Amino acid sequence: MDKPRIDELLPHADGSRYELVMIAAKRARQINNYYHSLGENTLGLEELTPPLITTRSTNLLTIAFEEIVDSKIEHDRPE
């Protein structure tokens, strides 16, 4: 899957584009931290989760969006 469409993504964020961007950005940072920890051969205090899907994309946001569409990401809605 390449570049999921916005109409596929919005239902996973309760229809809020802002919430969708926040979820994807947070996940992209987690993936980035995972890849950096591999290069440094260290594990930080955070849980480092590798990408949860197999994809051709190398763009971290695209990977995060694909994980959201595939329902691999669980998020808590802020109150």
C-alpha atoms as a PDB file:
ATOM      1  CA  MET A   1       0.000   0.000   0.000  1.00  0.00           C
ATOM      2  CA  ASP A   2       1.359   3.419  -0.883  1.00  0.00           C
ATOM      3  CA  LYS A   3       0.184   6.719   0.505  1.00  0.00           C
ATOM      4  CA  PRO A   4      -3.188   5.921   2.058  1.00  0.00           C
ATOM      5  CA  ARG A   5      -5.931   8.341   1.096  1.00  0.00           C
ATOM      6  CA  ILE A   6      -7.316  10.774   3.628  1.00  0.00           C
ATOM      7  CA  ASP A   7     -10.783   9.219   3.448  1.00  0.00           C
ATOM      8  CA  GLU A   8      -9.237   5.893   4.550  1.00  0.00           C
ATOM      9  CA  LEU A   9      -7.327   7.532   7.408  1.00  0.00           C
ATOM     10  CA  LEU A  10      -9.930   9.847   8.973  1.00  0.00           C
ATOM     11  CA  PRO A  11     -12.207   7.137  10.426  1.00  0.00           C
ATOM     12  CA  HIS A  12      -9.237   5.909  12.496  1.00  0.00           C
ATOM     13  CA  ALA A  13      -8.874   9.352  14.091  1.00  0.00           C
ATOM     14  CA  ASP A  14     -12.555   9.997  14.772  1.00  0.00           C
ATOM     15  CA  GLY A  15     -12.746  12.259  11.713  1.00  0.00           C
ATOM     16  CA  SER A  16     -10.248  14.797  13.055  1.00  0.00           C
ATOM     17  CA  ARG A  17      -7.361  15.737  10.778  1.00  0.00           C
ATOM     18  CA  TYR A  18      -5.524  17.289  13.719  1.00  0.00           C
ATOM     19  CA  GLU A  19      -5.747  14.060  15.723  1.00  0.00           C
ATOM     20  CA  LEU A  20      -4.644  12.061  12.683  1.00  0.00           C
ATOM     21  CA  VAL A  21      -1.539  14.222  12.250  1.00  0.00           C
ATOM     22  CA  MET A  22      -0.678  13.968  15.945  1.00  0.00           C
ATOM     23  CA  ILE A  23      -0.994  10.162  15.926  1.00  0.00           C
ATOM     24  CA  ALA A  24       1.079   9.792  12.742  1.00  0.00           C
ATOM     25  CA  ALA A  25       3.793  12.212  13.898  1.00  0.00           C
ATOM     26  CA  LYS A  26       4.178  10.438  17.234  1.00  0.00           C
ATOM     27  CA  ARG A  27       4.429   7.053  15.531  1.00  0.00           C
ATOM     28  CA  ALA A  28       6.924   8.344  12.952  1.00  0.00           C
ATOM     29  CA  ARG A  29       9.135   9.600  15.815  1.00  0.00           C
ATOM     30  CA  GLN A  30       8.941   6.171  17.458  1.00  0.00           C
ATOM     31  CA  ILE A  31      10.000   4.448  14.232  1.00  0.00           C
ATOM     32  CA  ASN A  32      12.818   6.964  13.767  1.00  0.00           C
ATOM     33  CA  ASN A  33      14.058   6.331  17.322  1.00  0.00           C
ATOM     34  CA  TYR A  34      13.980   2.588  16.642  1.00  0.00           C
ATOM     35  CA  TYR A  35      16.138   2.939  13.512  1.00  0.00           C
ATOM     36  CA  HIS A  36      18.592   5.245  15.291  1.00  0.00           C
ATOM     37  CA  SER A  37      18.941   2.819  18.198  1.00  0.00           C
ATOM     38  CA  LEU A  38      19.836   0.052  15.747  1.00  0.00           C
ATOM     39  CA  GLY A  39      22.679   2.141  14.338  1.00  0.00           C
ATOM     40  CA  GLU A  40      23.997   3.036  17.778  1.00  0.00           C
ATOM     41  CA  ASN A  41      23.449  -0.473  19.112  1.00  0.00           C
ATOM     42  CA  THR A  42      21.798   0.931  22.244  1.00  0.00           C
ATOM     43  CA  LEU A  43      18.408   0.652  23.800  1.00  0.00           C
ATOM     44  CA  GLY A  44      16.919   3.728  25.427  1.00  0.00           C
ATOM     45  CA  LEU A  45      14.437   3.939  28.241  1.00  0.00           C
ATOM     46  CA  GLU A  46      11.538   4.188  25.801  1.00  0.00           C
ATOM     47  CA  GLU A  47      10.025   1.136  24.273  1.00  0.00           C
ATOM     48  CA  LEU A  48      11.401   0.949  20.776  1.00  0.00           C
ATOM     49  CA  THR A  49       8.882  -0.606  18.436  1.00  0.00           C
ATOM     50  CA  PRO A  50       9.911  -1.513  14.890  1.00  0.00           C
ATOM     51  CA  PRO A  51       7.525  -0.850  12.000  1.00  0.00           C
ATOM     52  CA  LEU A  52       4.483  -3.067  12.418  1.00  0.00           C
ATOM     53  CA  ILE A  53       3.930  -3.612   8.696  1.00  0.00           C
ATOM     54  CA  THR A  54       5.938  -4.611   5.661  1.00  0.00           C
ATOM     55  CA  THR A  55       6.126  -1.802   3.142  1.00  0.00           C
ATOM     56  CA  ARG A  56       8.178  -0.535   0.228  1.00  0.00           C
ATOM     57  CA  SER A  57       8.133   2.985   1.602  1.00  0.00           C
ATOM     58  CA  THR A  58      11.104   4.523   3.394  1.00  0.00           C
ATOM     59  CA  ASN A  59       9.173   7.646   4.425  1.00  0.00           C
ATOM     60  CA  LEU A  60       8.437   7.435   8.143  1.00  0.00           C
ATOM     61  CA  LEU A  61       5.120   9.302   7.922  1.00  0.00           C
ATOM     62  CA  THR A  62       3.929   7.065   5.108  1.00  0.00           C
ATOM     63  CA  ILE A  63       4.798   4.016   7.208  1.00  0.00           C
ATOM     64  CA  ALA A  64       2.888   5.512  10.144  1.00  0.00           C
ATOM     65  CA  PHE A  65      -0.151   6.260   7.956  1.00  0.00           C
ATOM     66  CA  GLU A  66      -0.105   2.718   6.565  1.00  0.00           C
ATOM     67  CA  GLU A  67       0.000   1.327  10.112  1.00  0.00           C
ATOM     68  CA  ILE A  68      -2.992   3.500  11.028  1.00  0.00           C
ATOM     69  CA  VAL A  69      -5.020   2.269   8.045  1.00  0.00           C
ATOM     70  CA  ASP A  70      -4.152  -1.338   8.916  1.00  0.00           C
ATOM     71  CA  SER A  71      -5.321  -0.717  12.525  1.00  0.00           C
ATOM     72  CA  LYS A  72      -1.894  -1.570  13.938  1.00  0.00           C
ATOM     73  CA  ILE A  73      -1.783   1.609  16.054  1.00  0.00           C
ATOM     74  CA  GLU A  74      -3.831   2.077  19.203  1.00  0.00           C
ATOM     75  CA  HIS A  75      -4.165   5.578  20.555  1.00  0.00           C
ATOM     76  CA  ASP A  76      -5.749   7.169  23.573  1.00  0.00           C
ATOM     77  CA  ARG A  77      -7.991  10.102  22.914  1.00  0.00           C
ATOM     78  CA  PRO A  78      -7.088  13.113  25.063  1.00  0.00           C
ATOM     79  CA  GLU A  79      -9.827  14.402  27.332  1.00  0.00           C
END
